[in-house]
Amino acid sequence: MPYKKTKLSGNNKGKVRVSGPSGVHAKATTPKKAEAQMRLLQAVEHGFKSGGKKSKSKIKKKK
């Protein structure tokens, strides 16, 4: 999906909004955070699963 960043006017100088076809995803955020948000949305769309931990089978336990 195409996501876009739009500048906000008024009291929100220097702030942007991230929106996509399904609605607004971020309001009055900084441009740096908006870029990160857009990258995350694209990654999730292409199969990325955030918040996961490494499986315990790959981590060796010391006895």
Protein backbone atom coordinates (compact mmCIF):
# COMPACT_ATOMS: atom_id res chain seq x y z
CA MET A 1 0.00 0.00 0.00
CA PRO A 2 1.22 3.50 -0.64
CA TYR A 3 1.82 5.53 2.51
CA LYS A 4 2.32 9.26 2.42
CA LYS A 5 3.69 11.89 4.73
CA THR A 6 1.97 15.30 4.81
CA LYS A 7 3.11 18.45 6.60
CA LEU A 8 0.75 19.89 9.21
CA SER A 9 0.08 23.60 9.48
CA GLY A 10 -0.94 25.89 12.31
CA ASN A 11 0.39 25.15 15.80
CA ASN A 12 1.96 21.91 14.57
CA LYS A 13 4.93 23.46 12.74
CA GLY A 14 7.58 20.89 11.88
CA LYS A 15 5.16 18.01 12.42
CA VAL A 16 3.84 15.52 9.88
CA ARG A 17 1.03 12.99 9.52
CA VAL A 18 1.41 9.46 8.10
CA SER A 19 -1.60 8.17 6.22
CA GLY A 20 -2.45 5.26 3.99
CA PRO A 21 -5.49 3.74 2.31
CA SER A 22 -6.73 2.29 5.59
CA GLY A 23 -6.58 5.63 7.43
CA VAL A 24 -4.20 7.80 9.45
CA HIS A 25 -1.40 5.91 11.21
CA ALA A 26 0.42 8.78 12.95
CA LYS A 27 -0.67 12.33 13.80
CA ALA A 28 1.62 15.28 14.61
CA THR A 29 4.84 13.27 14.75
CA THR A 30 8.35 14.31 13.80
CA PRO A 31 9.58 13.68 10.24
CA LYS A 32 12.21 11.21 11.51
CA LYS A 33 9.62 9.16 13.42
CA ALA A 34 7.26 9.32 10.43
CA GLU A 35 9.92 7.78 8.16
CA ALA A 36 10.45 4.96 10.68
CA GLN A 37 6.69 4.41 10.93
CA MET A 38 6.38 4.16 7.14
CA ARG A 39 9.27 1.66 6.95
CA LEU A 40 7.61 -0.46 9.65
CA LEU A 41 4.24 -0.41 7.88
CA GLN A 42 5.88 -1.51 4.61
CA ALA A 43 7.80 -4.29 6.41
CA VAL A 44 4.67 -5.63 8.14
CA GLU A 45 2.88 -5.58 4.80
CA HIS A 46 5.63 -7.78 3.34
CA GLY A 47 5.64 -10.39 6.13
CA PHE A 48 7.74 -8.91 8.95
CA LYS A 49 6.60 -9.91 12.44
CA SER A 50 7.68 -7.43 15.09
CA GLY A 51 8.14 -8.11 18.77
CA GLY A 52 9.22 -11.70 18.42
CA LYS A 53 11.92 -13.27 20.56
CA LYS A 54 14.56 -15.73 19.40
CA SER A 55 13.55 -19.33 19.92
CA LYS A 56 14.94 -21.01 23.01
CA SER A 57 16.21 -23.98 21.00
CA LYS A 58 18.86 -21.79 19.35
CA ILE A 59 20.09 -20.38 22.68
CA LYS A 60 22.37 -22.76 24.58
CA LYS A 61 21.81 -22.98 28.32
CA LYS A 62 24.72 -23.27 30.71
CA LYS A 63 24.46 -25.88 33.45
